[in-house]
N, C-alpha and C. Protein backbone atom coordinates (compact mmCIF):
# COMPACT_ATOMS: atom_id res chain seq x y z
N MET A 1 5.37 -39.19 36.87
CA MET A 1 4.63 -39.93 37.90
C MET A 1 6.35 -40.41 38.41
N THR A 2 6.31 -40.44 40.01
CA THR A 2 7.38 -41.23 40.49
C THR A 2 7.10 -42.57 41.19
N ILE A 3 8.06 -43.43 40.98
CA ILE A 3 7.70 -44.91 41.58
C ILE A 3 8.80 -45.09 42.60
N GLU A 4 8.55 -45.19 43.70
CA GLU A 4 9.23 -45.48 44.86
C GLU A 4 9.54 -47.04 44.98
N ARG A 5 10.51 -47.55 45.59
CA ARG A 5 11.09 -48.96 45.49
C ARG A 5 11.55 -49.05 46.89
N GLU A 6 11.04 -49.95 47.53
CA GLU A 6 11.78 -50.56 48.66
C GLU A 6 12.57 -51.59 48.33
N ARG A 7 13.65 -52.41 49.10
CA ARG A 7 14.35 -53.33 49.01
C ARG A 7 14.13 -54.31 50.21
N THR A 8 13.20 -55.54 50.64
CA THR A 8 13.46 -56.33 51.39
C THR A 8 13.51 -57.70 50.88
N GLU A 9 13.39 -58.75 51.37
CA GLU A 9 12.88 -60.16 50.57
C GLU A 9 12.20 -59.96 49.34
N GLN A 10 11.28 -59.02 49.15
CA GLN A 10 10.38 -58.69 48.10
C GLN A 10 10.78 -57.26 47.60
N THR A 11 10.59 -57.24 46.36
CA THR A 11 10.80 -55.69 46.07
C THR A 11 9.22 -55.16 45.89
N VAL A 12 9.40 -54.15 46.57
CA VAL A 12 7.93 -53.23 46.52
C VAL A 12 7.94 -52.30 45.70
N HIS A 13 6.72 -51.73 44.86
CA HIS A 13 6.91 -50.44 44.15
C HIS A 13 5.50 -49.61 44.61
N HIS A 14 5.53 -48.20 44.74
CA HIS A 14 4.51 -47.55 45.08
C HIS A 14 4.55 -46.48 43.95
N ALA A 15 3.34 -46.20 43.54
CA ALA A 15 3.13 -45.54 42.54
C ALA A 15 2.04 -44.55 42.73
N ARG A 16 1.78 -42.86 42.29
CA ARG A 16 0.57 -42.28 42.28
C ARG A 16 0.25 -41.85 41.05
N PRO A 17 0.06 -42.20 40.02
CA PRO A 17 -0.27 -41.78 38.89
C PRO A 17 -1.65 -40.64 38.79
N ARG A 18 -1.36 -39.99 37.70
CA ARG A 18 -2.71 -39.31 37.61
C ARG A 18 -3.87 -39.75 37.30
N ALA A 19 -5.06 -39.85 37.45
CA ALA A 19 -6.17 -40.56 36.85
C ALA A 19 -6.48 -40.36 35.87
N THR A 20 -5.72 -40.81 35.12
CA THR A 20 -5.96 -40.48 33.23
C THR A 20 -5.58 -41.80 32.80
N HIS A 21 -6.07 -42.06 31.60
CA HIS A 21 -5.67 -43.24 30.82
C HIS A 21 -4.01 -42.92 30.07
N ALA A 22 -4.00 -42.10 30.03
CA ALA A 22 -2.25 -41.68 29.47
C ALA A 22 -1.36 -41.84 31.08
N ALA A 23 -1.59 -41.62 31.92
CA ALA A 23 -0.97 -41.84 33.14
C ALA A 23 -0.94 -43.35 33.32
N CYS A 24 -2.36 -43.96 33.22
CA CYS A 24 -2.22 -45.58 33.42
C CYS A 24 -1.53 -46.08 32.18
N THR A 25 -1.17 -46.19 31.11
CA THR A 25 -0.57 -46.78 29.96
C THR A 25 1.05 -46.55 30.26
N GLU A 26 1.32 -45.38 31.27
CA GLU A 26 2.83 -45.15 31.52
C GLU A 26 3.12 -46.39 32.72
N THR A 27 2.09 -46.29 33.78
CA THR A 27 2.50 -47.05 34.74
C THR A 27 2.51 -48.36 34.55
N ARG A 28 1.54 -49.01 33.57
CA ARG A 28 1.43 -50.37 32.88
C ARG A 28 3.00 -50.71 32.77
N ASN A 29 3.23 -49.79 31.55
CA ASN A 29 4.58 -49.84 30.88
C ASN A 29 5.78 -50.17 31.76
N ALA A 30 5.79 -49.14 32.96
CA ALA A 30 7.18 -49.12 33.86
C ALA A 30 7.06 -50.64 34.61
N PHE A 31 5.75 -51.14 35.02
CA PHE A 31 5.55 -52.59 35.99
C PHE A 31 6.23 -53.40 34.75
N GLU A 32 5.46 -53.35 33.48
CA GLU A 32 6.22 -54.34 32.66
C GLU A 32 7.62 -54.44 32.29
N HIS A 33 8.49 -53.44 32.47
CA HIS A 33 9.93 -53.33 32.48
C HIS A 33 10.16 -53.46 34.30
N VAL A 34 10.22 -53.58 35.44
CA VAL A 34 10.28 -54.10 36.41
C VAL A 34 10.19 -55.67 36.22
N LEU A 35 9.04 -56.29 35.51
CA LEU A 35 8.82 -57.50 35.40
C LEU A 35 10.35 -58.21 34.45
N GLU A 36 10.42 -57.44 33.50
CA GLU A 36 11.44 -57.59 32.83
C GLU A 36 12.75 -57.60 33.50
N ASP A 37 13.01 -56.61 34.30
CA ASP A 37 14.29 -56.61 34.85
C ASP A 37 14.07 -57.67 35.89
N GLY A 38 13.50 -58.09 36.38
CA GLY A 38 13.35 -59.22 37.56
C GLY A 38 13.56 -60.63 36.72
N ARG A 39 13.39 -60.80 35.79
CA ARG A 39 13.58 -61.76 34.83
C ARG A 39 12.33 -63.08 34.74
N VAL A 40 11.22 -62.36 34.97
CA VAL A 40 9.89 -62.72 35.09
C VAL A 40 9.41 -63.11 33.30
N VAL A 41 9.40 -64.59 33.54
CA VAL A 41 8.82 -65.23 31.94
C VAL A 41 7.78 -64.30 31.44
N ARG A 42 8.25 -63.95 29.79
CA ARG A 42 7.54 -63.05 29.40
C ARG A 42 5.86 -63.34 28.95
N HIS A 43 5.48 -64.60 29.17
CA HIS A 43 4.09 -64.66 29.05
C HIS A 43 3.23 -64.56 30.36
N ALA A 44 4.16 -64.64 31.76
CA ALA A 44 3.52 -64.42 33.06
C ALA A 44 3.65 -63.05 33.21
N ALA A 45 4.72 -62.36 32.29
CA ALA A 45 4.93 -60.95 32.76
C ALA A 45 3.82 -60.17 31.92
N ALA A 46 3.14 -60.53 30.94
CA ALA A 46 2.35 -60.20 29.92
C ALA A 46 0.80 -60.13 30.56
N MET A 47 0.67 -61.29 31.14
CA MET A 47 -0.48 -61.39 31.82
C MET A 47 -0.95 -60.75 32.94
N ALA A 48 0.07 -60.50 33.86
CA ALA A 48 0.13 -59.59 34.90
C ALA A 48 -0.24 -58.18 34.39
N ALA A 49 0.36 -57.76 33.40
CA ALA A 49 0.70 -56.39 32.93
C ALA A 49 -1.06 -56.07 32.33
N LEU A 50 -1.79 -57.03 31.46
CA LEU A 50 -2.83 -57.16 30.96
C LEU A 50 -3.87 -56.84 32.31
N ALA A 51 -3.53 -57.22 33.25
CA ALA A 51 -4.41 -57.36 34.12
C ALA A 51 -4.29 -55.97 35.12
N LEU A 52 -3.23 -55.41 35.40
CA LEU A 52 -2.66 -54.15 35.83
C LEU A 52 -3.34 -53.17 34.99
N GLY A 53 -3.36 -53.23 33.39
CA GLY A 53 -4.05 -52.33 32.67
C GLY A 53 -5.53 -52.33 33.33
N GLU A 54 -5.96 -53.28 33.26
CA GLU A 54 -7.56 -53.68 33.24
C GLU A 54 -7.87 -52.51 34.72
N LEU A 55 -7.08 -53.14 35.67
CA LEU A 55 -7.58 -52.69 37.03
C LEU A 55 -7.15 -50.94 37.16
N LEU A 56 -6.16 -50.40 36.22
CA LEU A 56 -6.03 -49.15 36.22
C LEU A 56 -7.27 -48.34 35.41
N SER A 57 -7.55 -48.89 34.44
CA SER A 57 -8.68 -48.27 33.72
C SER A 57 -9.84 -48.37 34.23
N ASN A 58 -10.32 -49.35 34.93
CA ASN A 58 -11.35 -49.35 36.15
C ASN A 58 -11.26 -48.07 36.99
N ALA A 59 -10.23 -48.31 37.33
CA ALA A 59 -10.13 -47.06 38.68
C ALA A 59 -10.40 -45.91 37.92
N VAL A 60 -9.98 -45.58 36.80
CA VAL A 60 -10.13 -44.01 35.91
C VAL A 60 -11.42 -43.85 35.65
N ARG A 61 -12.35 -45.17 35.08
CA ARG A 61 -13.58 -44.81 34.51
C ARG A 61 -14.59 -45.10 35.61
N HIS A 62 -14.18 -46.00 36.55
CA HIS A 62 -15.36 -46.13 37.61
C HIS A 62 -15.26 -45.55 38.98
N GLY A 63 -13.96 -45.37 39.36
CA GLY A 63 -13.61 -44.88 40.56
C GLY A 63 -13.67 -43.57 40.85
N GLN A 64 -13.08 -42.93 41.84
CA GLN A 64 -12.84 -41.38 42.41
C GLN A 64 -11.16 -41.51 42.57
N ALA A 65 -10.67 -40.30 41.90
CA ALA A 65 -9.35 -40.10 42.28
C ALA A 65 -9.47 -39.22 43.41
N TYR A 66 -8.15 -39.35 44.55
CA TYR A 66 -8.02 -38.57 45.43
C TYR A 66 -7.93 -37.29 45.10
N ALA A 67 -8.05 -36.03 46.34
CA ALA A 67 -8.19 -34.80 46.12
C ALA A 67 -7.00 -34.50 45.02
N ASP A 68 -5.71 -35.05 45.00
CA ASP A 68 -5.05 -34.56 44.15
C ASP A 68 -4.89 -34.96 42.66
N GLY A 69 -6.04 -35.61 42.73
CA GLY A 69 -5.90 -36.28 40.88
C GLY A 69 -5.39 -37.60 40.75
N CYS A 70 -5.09 -38.27 41.72
CA CYS A 70 -4.21 -39.28 41.64
C CYS A 70 -4.75 -40.57 42.34
N ILE A 71 -4.45 -41.76 41.90
CA ILE A 71 -4.76 -42.72 42.13
C ILE A 71 -3.38 -43.68 42.74
N GLU A 72 -3.75 -45.02 43.86
CA GLU A 72 -2.47 -45.29 44.11
C GLU A 72 -2.12 -46.56 43.54
N VAL A 73 -1.33 -47.14 43.13
CA VAL A 73 -0.58 -48.18 42.51
C VAL A 73 0.41 -48.88 43.40
N SER A 74 0.42 -50.26 43.45
CA SER A 74 1.50 -51.00 43.97
C SER A 74 1.74 -52.49 43.34
N TRP A 75 3.02 -52.80 43.54
CA TRP A 75 3.24 -53.98 42.93
C TRP A 75 4.36 -54.57 43.97
N THR A 76 4.18 -55.82 44.32
CA THR A 76 5.44 -56.49 45.28
C THR A 76 5.57 -57.61 44.37
N LEU A 77 6.97 -57.98 43.93
CA LEU A 77 7.48 -58.97 43.38
C LEU A 77 8.34 -59.73 44.25
N ALA A 78 8.07 -60.87 44.28
CA ALA A 78 8.49 -62.02 45.42
C ALA A 78 9.28 -63.11 44.28
N ALA A 79 9.66 -64.08 44.94
CA ALA A 79 10.47 -65.09 44.54
C ALA A 79 9.45 -65.88 43.46
N ASP A 80 8.37 -66.22 43.61
CA ASP A 80 7.55 -66.82 42.33
C ASP A 80 6.45 -66.19 42.54
N ARG A 81 6.07 -64.96 42.74
CA ARG A 81 4.68 -64.33 42.39
C ARG A 81 4.88 -62.85 42.32
N VAL A 82 4.00 -62.33 42.11
CA VAL A 82 3.75 -60.86 41.83
C VAL A 82 2.27 -60.29 42.57
N ARG A 83 2.19 -59.55 43.23
CA ARG A 83 0.96 -59.06 43.74
C ARG A 83 0.91 -57.49 43.22
N ILE A 84 -0.42 -57.31 42.48
CA ILE A 84 -0.53 -56.08 41.94
C ILE A 84 -1.92 -55.10 43.07
N SER A 85 -1.57 -53.97 43.28
CA SER A 85 -2.79 -53.38 43.73
C SER A 85 -3.22 -52.02 43.15
N VAL A 86 -4.40 -51.97 42.83
CA VAL A 86 -5.08 -50.54 42.45
C VAL A 86 -5.93 -50.08 43.59
N THR A 87 -5.51 -48.45 43.92
CA THR A 87 -6.60 -48.15 44.81
C THR A 87 -7.34 -46.45 44.74
N ASP A 88 -8.30 -46.53 44.44
CA ASP A 88 -8.93 -45.09 44.46
C ASP A 88 -9.92 -44.64 45.55
N ALA A 89 -10.04 -43.33 45.56
CA ALA A 89 -10.94 -42.74 46.72
C ALA A 89 -12.42 -43.31 46.94
N GLY A 90 -12.91 -43.80 45.95
CA GLY A 90 -14.18 -44.14 45.53
C GLY A 90 -14.62 -45.52 46.22
N VAL A 91 -15.98 -45.97 46.69
CA VAL A 91 -16.50 -46.47 47.39
C VAL A 91 -17.31 -47.36 46.44
N ALA A 92 -16.63 -48.26 45.85
CA ALA A 92 -17.00 -49.33 44.36
C ALA A 92 -18.23 -50.11 45.26
N PRO A 93 -19.22 -50.57 44.53
CA PRO A 93 -20.63 -51.30 44.92
C PRO A 93 -19.56 -52.54 44.56
N ARG A 94 -20.67 -53.82 44.92
CA ARG A 94 -19.98 -55.08 44.60
C ARG A 94 -19.63 -55.20 43.67
N LEU A 95 -18.31 -55.90 43.28
CA LEU A 95 -17.69 -56.10 41.85
C LEU A 95 -17.93 -57.32 41.53
N ASP A 96 -17.92 -57.68 40.44
CA ASP A 96 -18.78 -59.38 39.86
C ASP A 96 -17.75 -59.35 38.86
N ALA A 97 -17.03 -60.59 38.94
CA ALA A 97 -16.24 -61.29 37.85
C ALA A 97 -17.07 -62.33 36.75
N THR A 98 -18.30 -62.25 36.71
CA THR A 98 -19.16 -62.91 36.06
C THR A 98 -19.11 -62.46 34.50
N LEU A 99 -18.42 -63.40 33.69
CA LEU A 99 -18.92 -63.05 32.07
C LEU A 99 -20.21 -62.69 31.61
N PRO A 100 -20.25 -61.44 30.95
CA PRO A 100 -21.19 -61.10 30.46
C PRO A 100 -21.80 -62.18 29.45
N SER A 101 -23.32 -61.45 29.10
CA SER A 101 -23.86 -62.30 27.72
C SER A 101 -22.62 -61.76 26.61
N ALA A 102 -22.88 -62.68 25.55
CA ALA A 102 -21.90 -62.06 24.13
C ALA A 102 -22.48 -60.82 23.62
N ASP A 103 -23.70 -60.45 23.82
CA ASP A 103 -24.07 -59.21 23.87
C ASP A 103 -23.85 -57.82 24.25
N SER A 104 -23.25 -58.18 25.75
CA SER A 104 -23.17 -57.12 26.56
C SER A 104 -21.77 -56.29 25.75
N PRO A 105 -21.73 -55.01 25.87
CA PRO A 105 -20.79 -54.29 25.58
C PRO A 105 -19.42 -54.11 26.40
N GLY A 106 -19.72 -54.44 27.55
CA GLY A 106 -18.37 -54.51 28.25
C GLY A 106 -18.77 -55.27 29.16
N GLY A 107 -17.87 -54.99 30.59
CA GLY A 107 -18.07 -56.12 31.84
C GLY A 107 -17.23 -57.47 31.78
N ARG A 108 -16.09 -57.29 30.88
CA ARG A 108 -15.34 -58.68 31.05
C ARG A 108 -14.19 -58.56 31.79
N GLY A 109 -13.77 -57.36 32.15
CA GLY A 109 -12.30 -56.92 32.77
C GLY A 109 -11.96 -57.85 33.83
N LEU A 110 -13.12 -57.77 35.20
CA LEU A 110 -12.51 -58.37 36.30
C LEU A 110 -13.10 -60.22 36.11
N TRP A 111 -13.55 -60.53 34.88
CA TRP A 111 -13.54 -61.78 34.35
C TRP A 111 -12.44 -62.34 34.11
N MET A 112 -11.72 -61.33 33.28
CA MET A 112 -10.56 -61.72 32.58
C MET A 112 -9.37 -61.78 33.57
N VAL A 113 -9.52 -60.51 34.73
CA VAL A 113 -8.33 -60.77 36.00
C VAL A 113 -8.43 -62.36 36.75
N GLU A 114 -9.75 -62.81 36.95
CA GLU A 114 -10.37 -63.91 37.71
C GLU A 114 -9.49 -64.49 36.78
N GLN A 115 -9.56 -64.95 35.46
CA GLN A 115 -9.20 -65.98 34.67
C GLN A 115 -7.48 -66.15 34.74
N VAL A 116 -6.78 -64.87 34.31
CA VAL A 116 -5.42 -65.13 34.26
C VAL A 116 -4.56 -64.95 35.97
N SER A 117 -5.25 -64.77 36.92
CA SER A 117 -4.64 -64.43 38.13
C SER A 117 -4.82 -66.18 39.10
N VAL A 118 -3.75 -66.01 39.89
CA VAL A 118 -4.03 -67.06 40.99
C VAL A 118 -5.08 -66.77 42.04
N ASP A 119 -5.09 -65.46 42.36
CA ASP A 119 -6.07 -64.95 43.15
C ASP A 119 -6.37 -63.42 43.05
N TRP A 120 -7.57 -63.01 43.60
CA TRP A 120 -7.64 -61.61 43.70
C TRP A 120 -8.87 -61.03 44.36
N GLY A 121 -9.09 -59.88 44.44
CA GLY A 121 -9.86 -59.43 45.48
C GLY A 121 -10.36 -58.08 46.03
N VAL A 122 -11.01 -57.74 46.66
CA VAL A 122 -11.51 -56.35 47.27
C VAL A 122 -11.03 -55.87 48.57
N VAL A 123 -10.64 -54.52 48.67
CA VAL A 123 -10.86 -54.39 49.98
C VAL A 123 -11.55 -52.90 49.95
N ARG A 124 -12.36 -52.64 50.86
CA ARG A 124 -12.96 -51.46 50.84
C ARG A 124 -12.86 -50.75 52.12
N GLU A 125 -11.41 -50.14 52.44
CA GLU A 125 -11.33 -49.47 53.59
C GLU A 125 -10.79 -48.01 53.21
N GLY A 126 -11.42 -46.52 53.10
CA GLY A 126 -10.80 -45.49 52.61
C GLY A 126 -10.82 -45.57 51.30
N GLY A 127 -11.59 -46.01 50.82
CA GLY A 127 -11.69 -46.22 49.27
C GLY A 127 -11.84 -47.46 48.62
N THR A 128 -11.28 -47.88 47.54
CA THR A 128 -11.39 -49.31 46.90
C THR A 128 -10.24 -49.73 46.49
N GLU A 129 -9.63 -50.75 47.05
CA GLU A 129 -8.43 -51.25 46.69
C GLU A 129 -8.68 -52.69 45.99
N VAL A 130 -8.22 -52.92 44.61
CA VAL A 130 -8.49 -54.00 43.86
C VAL A 130 -7.22 -54.69 43.44
N TRP A 131 -6.95 -56.13 44.30
CA TRP A 131 -5.68 -56.60 44.05
C TRP A 131 -5.57 -57.91 43.28
N ALA A 132 -4.33 -58.46 43.01
CA ALA A 132 -4.52 -59.67 41.93
C ALA A 132 -3.07 -60.43 42.47
N VAL A 133 -2.99 -61.75 42.45
CA VAL A 133 -1.67 -62.13 42.47
C VAL A 133 -1.47 -63.09 41.31
N PHE A 134 -0.23 -63.17 40.98
CA PHE A 134 0.11 -63.76 39.68
C PHE A 134 1.28 -64.80 40.07
N ALA A 135 1.19 -65.82 39.26
CA ALA A 135 2.71 -66.55 39.12
C ALA A 135 3.65 -65.70 38.30
N ALA A 136 4.95 -65.79 39.00
CA ALA A 136 6.06 -64.88 38.07
C ALA A 136 7.52 -65.97 37.91
N PRO A 137 7.22 -67.12 37.31
CA PRO A 137 8.33 -67.59 37.06
C PRO A 137 9.08 -66.95 36.71
N ARG A 138 10.61 -67.40 36.83
CA ARG A 138 11.88 -66.59 36.47
C ARG A 138 12.38 -67.26 35.12
N ARG A 139 13.15 -66.76 34.32
CA ARG A 139 13.89 -66.92 33.15
C ARG A 139 14.90 -67.64 33.71
N GLY A 140 15.67 -68.53 33.07
CA GLY A 140 16.99 -69.31 33.69
C GLY A 140 18.06 -68.30 33.19
């Protein structure tokens, strides 16, 4: 997997990992290293990485890879925020962040993303992009 990096007032990273759980783990780990290098407070970095892992897993489990077998991932690290985005080629139905019943075996991922993020949403243009924004305070 190659991660491209742009330098602007913000640091933007793009990746196209294979739509596999192993590649998702590798991508999430790379994201955590970027936040660590950016001196983001550990707790904030862990929350954003947890959410990225969930969005990646959802794209692999419920989405559709592009023709090359990949999904798209980007993250933008700004002064006090980080925005993550995971896009796949599928067209997702309405996504729901409602907490399911205690008996439900799944369905808590987007609820968790909503709880730990500042904002999140879905864009359906040429696939499905799920994005989230997190506070990213820096260590002193």
